[in-house]
């Protein structure tokens, strides 16, 4: 057994580890701790919207930023686009 181990690439998993895929997913989802300054209004809206969706406000903000910066759409956005394409409204 080694005296020192390198935990710099270790995954943080809350709760009981149930499968190897859970560990693999945690390793893929590594994030960087950072500090940014946001307007109070932005934080309040994020907290409200996050509460409505049942997630934390930082998770909600991260999803919104990913959607804008990386062009990743959420499931609801993809379903809405698909519905528009499939169920085109007929002009009267």
N, C-alpha and C. Protein backbone atom coordinates (compact mmCIF):
# COMPACT_ATOMS: atom_id res chain seq x y z
N UNK A 1 0.83 -1.17 0.00
CA UNK A 1 0.00 0.00 0.00
C UNK A 1 0.89 1.25 0.00
N UNK A 2 0.53 2.24 -0.83
CA UNK A 2 1.31 3.47 -0.92
C UNK A 2 1.12 4.32 0.33
N UNK A 3 2.09 5.18 0.57
CA UNK A 3 1.97 6.13 1.67
C UNK A 3 1.18 7.37 1.23
N UNK A 4 1.37 7.77 -0.03
CA UNK A 4 0.71 8.97 -0.55
C UNK A 4 -0.07 8.62 -1.82
N UNK A 5 -1.25 9.14 -1.92
CA UNK A 5 -2.09 8.94 -3.09
C UNK A 5 -2.41 10.29 -3.72
N UNK A 6 -2.55 10.31 -5.04
CA UNK A 6 -2.88 11.53 -5.76
C UNK A 6 -4.39 11.58 -5.98
N UNK A 7 -5.07 12.50 -5.31
CA UNK A 7 -6.52 12.62 -5.43
C UNK A 7 -6.93 13.82 -6.29
N UNK A 8 -6.01 14.36 -7.08
CA UNK A 8 -6.33 15.55 -7.88
C UNK A 8 -7.39 15.27 -8.94
N UNK A 9 -7.50 14.03 -9.38
CA UNK A 9 -8.50 13.69 -10.40
C UNK A 9 -9.63 12.84 -9.83
N UNK A 10 -9.78 12.87 -8.53
CA UNK A 10 -10.81 12.07 -7.88
C UNK A 10 -12.18 12.68 -8.10
N UNK A 11 -13.19 11.83 -8.15
CA UNK A 11 -14.58 12.28 -8.33
C UNK A 11 -15.24 12.38 -6.96
N UNK A 12 -16.11 13.38 -6.83
CA UNK A 12 -16.88 13.53 -5.61
C UNK A 12 -18.27 12.97 -5.86
N UNK A 13 -18.63 11.97 -5.09
CA UNK A 13 -19.94 11.34 -5.24
C UNK A 13 -20.65 11.43 -3.90
N UNK A 14 -21.82 12.05 -3.92
CA UNK A 14 -22.60 12.16 -2.68
C UNK A 14 -23.44 10.90 -2.52
N UNK A 15 -23.45 10.38 -1.33
CA UNK A 15 -24.26 9.19 -1.07
C UNK A 15 -23.52 7.91 -1.41
N UNK A 16 -24.27 6.85 -1.47
CA UNK A 16 -23.72 5.53 -1.69
C UNK A 16 -23.36 5.32 -3.15
N UNK A 17 -22.20 4.72 -3.42
CA UNK A 17 -21.80 4.41 -4.79
C UNK A 17 -22.51 3.11 -5.18
N UNK A 18 -23.28 3.18 -6.27
CA UNK A 18 -24.10 2.04 -6.66
C UNK A 18 -23.55 1.30 -7.88
N UNK A 19 -22.77 2.00 -8.72
CA UNK A 19 -22.27 1.34 -9.92
C UNK A 19 -21.03 2.05 -10.46
N UNK A 20 -20.31 1.36 -11.33
CA UNK A 20 -19.15 1.95 -11.97
C UNK A 20 -19.57 3.09 -12.89
N UNK A 21 -20.75 2.98 -13.50
CA UNK A 21 -21.21 4.04 -14.39
C UNK A 21 -21.45 5.33 -13.61
N UNK A 22 -21.85 5.23 -12.36
CA UNK A 22 -22.03 6.41 -11.51
C UNK A 22 -20.69 7.10 -11.30
N UNK A 23 -19.63 6.34 -11.08
CA UNK A 23 -18.29 6.90 -10.91
C UNK A 23 -17.83 7.53 -12.22
N UNK A 24 -18.04 6.85 -13.33
CA UNK A 24 -17.65 7.38 -14.65
C UNK A 24 -18.36 8.70 -14.93
N UNK A 25 -19.64 8.78 -14.61
CA UNK A 25 -20.41 10.01 -14.83
C UNK A 25 -19.87 11.14 -13.96
N UNK A 26 -19.52 10.83 -12.73
CA UNK A 26 -18.98 11.85 -11.83
C UNK A 26 -17.64 12.38 -12.34
N UNK A 27 -16.83 11.51 -12.90
CA UNK A 27 -15.54 11.94 -13.45
C UNK A 27 -15.71 12.85 -14.66
N UNK A 28 -16.73 12.58 -15.47
CA UNK A 28 -16.99 13.41 -16.65
C UNK A 28 -17.51 14.79 -16.25
N UNK A 29 -18.16 14.88 -15.11
CA UNK A 29 -18.82 16.11 -14.69
C UNK A 29 -17.97 16.98 -13.78
N UNK A 30 -16.67 16.87 -13.86
CA UNK A 30 -15.83 17.70 -13.01
C UNK A 30 -16.01 19.16 -13.37
N UNK A 31 -16.02 19.99 -12.36
CA UNK A 31 -16.26 21.42 -12.55
C UNK A 31 -15.15 22.20 -11.87
N UNK A 32 -15.02 23.44 -12.27
CA UNK A 32 -14.02 24.33 -11.71
C UNK A 32 -14.68 25.33 -10.78
N UNK A 33 -14.13 25.47 -9.61
CA UNK A 33 -14.63 26.45 -8.66
C UNK A 33 -14.16 27.83 -9.10
N UNK A 34 -15.09 28.76 -9.21
CA UNK A 34 -14.75 30.11 -9.63
C UNK A 34 -15.59 31.11 -8.86
N UNK A 35 -15.26 32.35 -8.99
CA UNK A 35 -16.01 33.41 -8.33
C UNK A 35 -16.32 34.49 -9.35
N UNK A 36 -17.60 34.82 -9.50
CA UNK A 36 -18.00 35.88 -10.41
C UNK A 36 -18.98 36.80 -9.68
N UNK A 37 -19.08 38.01 -10.17
CA UNK A 37 -20.02 38.96 -9.58
C UNK A 37 -21.21 39.11 -10.52
N UNK A 38 -22.40 38.88 -9.97
CA UNK A 38 -23.63 38.99 -10.74
C UNK A 38 -24.56 39.99 -10.06
N UNK A 39 -25.42 40.58 -10.83
CA UNK A 39 -26.41 41.51 -10.28
C UNK A 39 -27.35 40.76 -9.34
N UNK A 40 -27.79 41.45 -8.30
CA UNK A 40 -28.71 40.84 -7.34
C UNK A 40 -29.99 40.36 -8.02
N UNK A 41 -30.46 41.12 -8.99
CA UNK A 41 -31.68 40.75 -9.70
C UNK A 41 -31.51 39.40 -10.42
N UNK A 42 -30.35 39.18 -11.01
CA UNK A 42 -30.06 37.92 -11.71
C UNK A 42 -30.12 36.76 -10.73
N UNK A 43 -29.50 36.93 -9.58
CA UNK A 43 -29.48 35.87 -8.58
C UNK A 43 -30.90 35.55 -8.09
N UNK A 44 -31.69 36.56 -7.83
CA UNK A 44 -33.05 36.36 -7.34
C UNK A 44 -33.91 35.63 -8.38
N UNK A 45 -33.80 36.04 -9.63
CA UNK A 45 -34.56 35.38 -10.70
C UNK A 45 -34.09 33.93 -10.85
N UNK A 46 -32.78 33.72 -10.80
CA UNK A 46 -32.23 32.36 -10.93
C UNK A 46 -32.74 31.47 -9.80
N UNK A 47 -32.76 31.99 -8.59
CA UNK A 47 -33.25 31.20 -7.45
C UNK A 47 -34.72 30.85 -7.62
N UNK A 48 -35.51 31.83 -8.08
CA UNK A 48 -36.94 31.59 -8.27
C UNK A 48 -37.18 30.54 -9.35
N UNK A 49 -36.53 30.71 -10.49
CA UNK A 49 -36.71 29.75 -11.60
C UNK A 49 -36.20 28.37 -11.22
N UNK A 50 -35.07 28.32 -10.53
CA UNK A 50 -34.50 27.05 -10.12
C UNK A 50 -35.43 26.33 -9.15
N UNK A 51 -36.02 27.08 -8.23
CA UNK A 51 -36.97 26.48 -7.28
C UNK A 51 -38.17 25.90 -8.02
N UNK A 52 -38.66 26.62 -9.04
CA UNK A 52 -39.80 26.12 -9.84
C UNK A 52 -39.45 24.83 -10.56
N UNK A 53 -38.18 24.70 -10.99
CA UNK A 53 -37.75 23.50 -11.71
C UNK A 53 -37.23 22.41 -10.78
N UNK A 54 -37.10 22.73 -9.50
CA UNK A 54 -36.67 21.72 -8.53
C UNK A 54 -35.18 21.44 -8.55
N UNK A 55 -34.37 22.43 -8.92
CA UNK A 55 -32.91 22.27 -8.92
C UNK A 55 -32.29 23.43 -8.15
N UNK A 56 -31.01 23.34 -7.87
CA UNK A 56 -30.31 24.43 -7.22
C UNK A 56 -30.09 25.57 -8.21
N UNK A 57 -29.94 26.78 -7.67
CA UNK A 57 -29.82 27.93 -8.57
C UNK A 57 -28.50 27.93 -9.34
N UNK A 58 -27.43 27.38 -8.76
CA UNK A 58 -26.17 27.30 -9.49
C UNK A 58 -26.26 26.29 -10.63
N UNK A 59 -26.96 25.20 -10.40
CA UNK A 59 -27.19 24.21 -11.46
C UNK A 59 -28.01 24.84 -12.57
N UNK A 60 -29.03 25.59 -12.19
CA UNK A 60 -29.89 26.26 -13.18
C UNK A 60 -29.08 27.26 -14.00
N UNK A 61 -28.26 28.08 -13.32
CA UNK A 61 -27.43 29.05 -14.03
C UNK A 61 -26.45 28.35 -14.97
N UNK A 62 -25.86 27.25 -14.52
CA UNK A 62 -24.91 26.51 -15.36
C UNK A 62 -25.59 25.98 -16.62
N UNK A 63 -26.80 25.44 -16.46
CA UNK A 63 -27.54 24.94 -17.63
C UNK A 63 -27.83 26.06 -18.62
N UNK A 64 -28.25 27.22 -18.10
CA UNK A 64 -28.55 28.35 -18.99
C UNK A 64 -27.30 28.84 -19.69
N UNK A 65 -26.20 28.93 -18.97
CA UNK A 65 -24.95 29.36 -19.59
C UNK A 65 -24.48 28.37 -20.66
N UNK A 66 -24.60 27.08 -20.36
CA UNK A 66 -24.21 26.07 -21.36
C UNK A 66 -25.04 26.22 -22.61
N UNK A 67 -26.35 26.46 -22.43
CA UNK A 67 -27.23 26.62 -23.58
C UNK A 67 -26.86 27.81 -24.44
N UNK A 68 -26.47 28.90 -23.79
CA UNK A 68 -26.14 30.12 -24.52
C UNK A 68 -24.73 30.06 -25.09
N UNK A 69 -23.76 29.74 -24.26
CA UNK A 69 -22.36 29.79 -24.67
C UNK A 69 -21.99 28.64 -25.61
N UNK A 70 -22.42 27.44 -25.28
CA UNK A 70 -22.04 26.27 -26.07
C UNK A 70 -23.10 25.87 -27.09
N UNK A 71 -24.23 26.55 -27.07
CA UNK A 71 -25.28 26.24 -28.02
C UNK A 71 -26.01 24.96 -27.72
N UNK A 72 -25.89 24.47 -26.49
CA UNK A 72 -26.60 23.24 -26.10
C UNK A 72 -28.02 23.60 -25.70
N UNK A 73 -28.94 22.88 -26.24
CA UNK A 73 -30.34 23.14 -25.92
C UNK A 73 -30.83 22.13 -24.89
N UNK A 74 -31.80 22.55 -24.12
CA UNK A 74 -32.42 21.64 -23.16
C UNK A 74 -33.43 20.76 -23.87
N UNK A 75 -33.91 19.75 -23.20
CA UNK A 75 -34.87 18.81 -23.77
C UNK A 75 -36.14 19.53 -24.20
N UNK A 76 -36.63 20.46 -23.38
CA UNK A 76 -37.86 21.18 -23.72
C UNK A 76 -37.70 21.97 -25.02
N UNK A 77 -36.53 22.59 -25.19
CA UNK A 77 -36.28 23.35 -26.42
C UNK A 77 -36.26 22.44 -27.64
N UNK A 78 -35.64 21.29 -27.50
CA UNK A 78 -35.57 20.35 -28.62
C UNK A 78 -36.95 19.81 -28.98
N UNK A 79 -37.76 19.50 -27.96
CA UNK A 79 -39.11 18.99 -28.20
C UNK A 79 -39.95 20.06 -28.89
N UNK A 80 -39.83 21.30 -28.44
CA UNK A 80 -40.59 22.40 -29.04
C UNK A 80 -40.22 22.58 -30.52
N UNK A 81 -38.94 22.53 -30.84
CA UNK A 81 -38.51 22.66 -32.24
C UNK A 81 -39.02 21.50 -33.09
N UNK A 82 -38.97 20.30 -32.51
CA UNK A 82 -39.46 19.12 -33.23
C UNK A 82 -40.95 19.23 -33.48
N UNK A 83 -41.71 19.66 -32.48
CA UNK A 83 -43.15 19.82 -32.64
C UNK A 83 -43.48 20.85 -33.71
N UNK A 84 -42.73 21.94 -33.74
CA UNK A 84 -42.95 22.96 -34.76
C UNK A 84 -42.69 22.42 -36.16
N UNK A 85 -41.67 21.59 -36.28
CA UNK A 85 -41.33 21.01 -37.58
C UNK A 85 -42.37 19.98 -38.03
N UNK A 86 -42.86 19.18 -37.09
CA UNK A 86 -43.78 18.10 -37.44
C UNK A 86 -45.21 18.59 -37.56
N UNK A 87 -45.63 19.46 -36.63
CA UNK A 87 -47.01 19.92 -36.61
C UNK A 87 -47.09 21.38 -37.06
N UNK A 88 -46.77 21.61 -38.30
CA UNK A 88 -46.81 22.97 -38.84
C UNK A 88 -48.25 23.45 -38.91
N UNK A 89 -48.47 24.66 -38.42
CA UNK A 89 -49.83 25.23 -38.45
C UNK A 89 -50.14 25.68 -39.86
N UNK A 90 -51.35 25.38 -40.28
CA UNK A 90 -51.78 25.77 -41.62
C UNK A 90 -52.28 27.21 -41.58
N UNK A 91 -51.86 27.98 -42.56
CA UNK A 91 -52.31 29.38 -42.65
C UNK A 91 -53.75 29.42 -43.11
N UNK A 92 -54.54 30.31 -42.55
CA UNK A 92 -55.94 30.43 -42.93
C UNK A 92 -56.13 31.36 -44.08
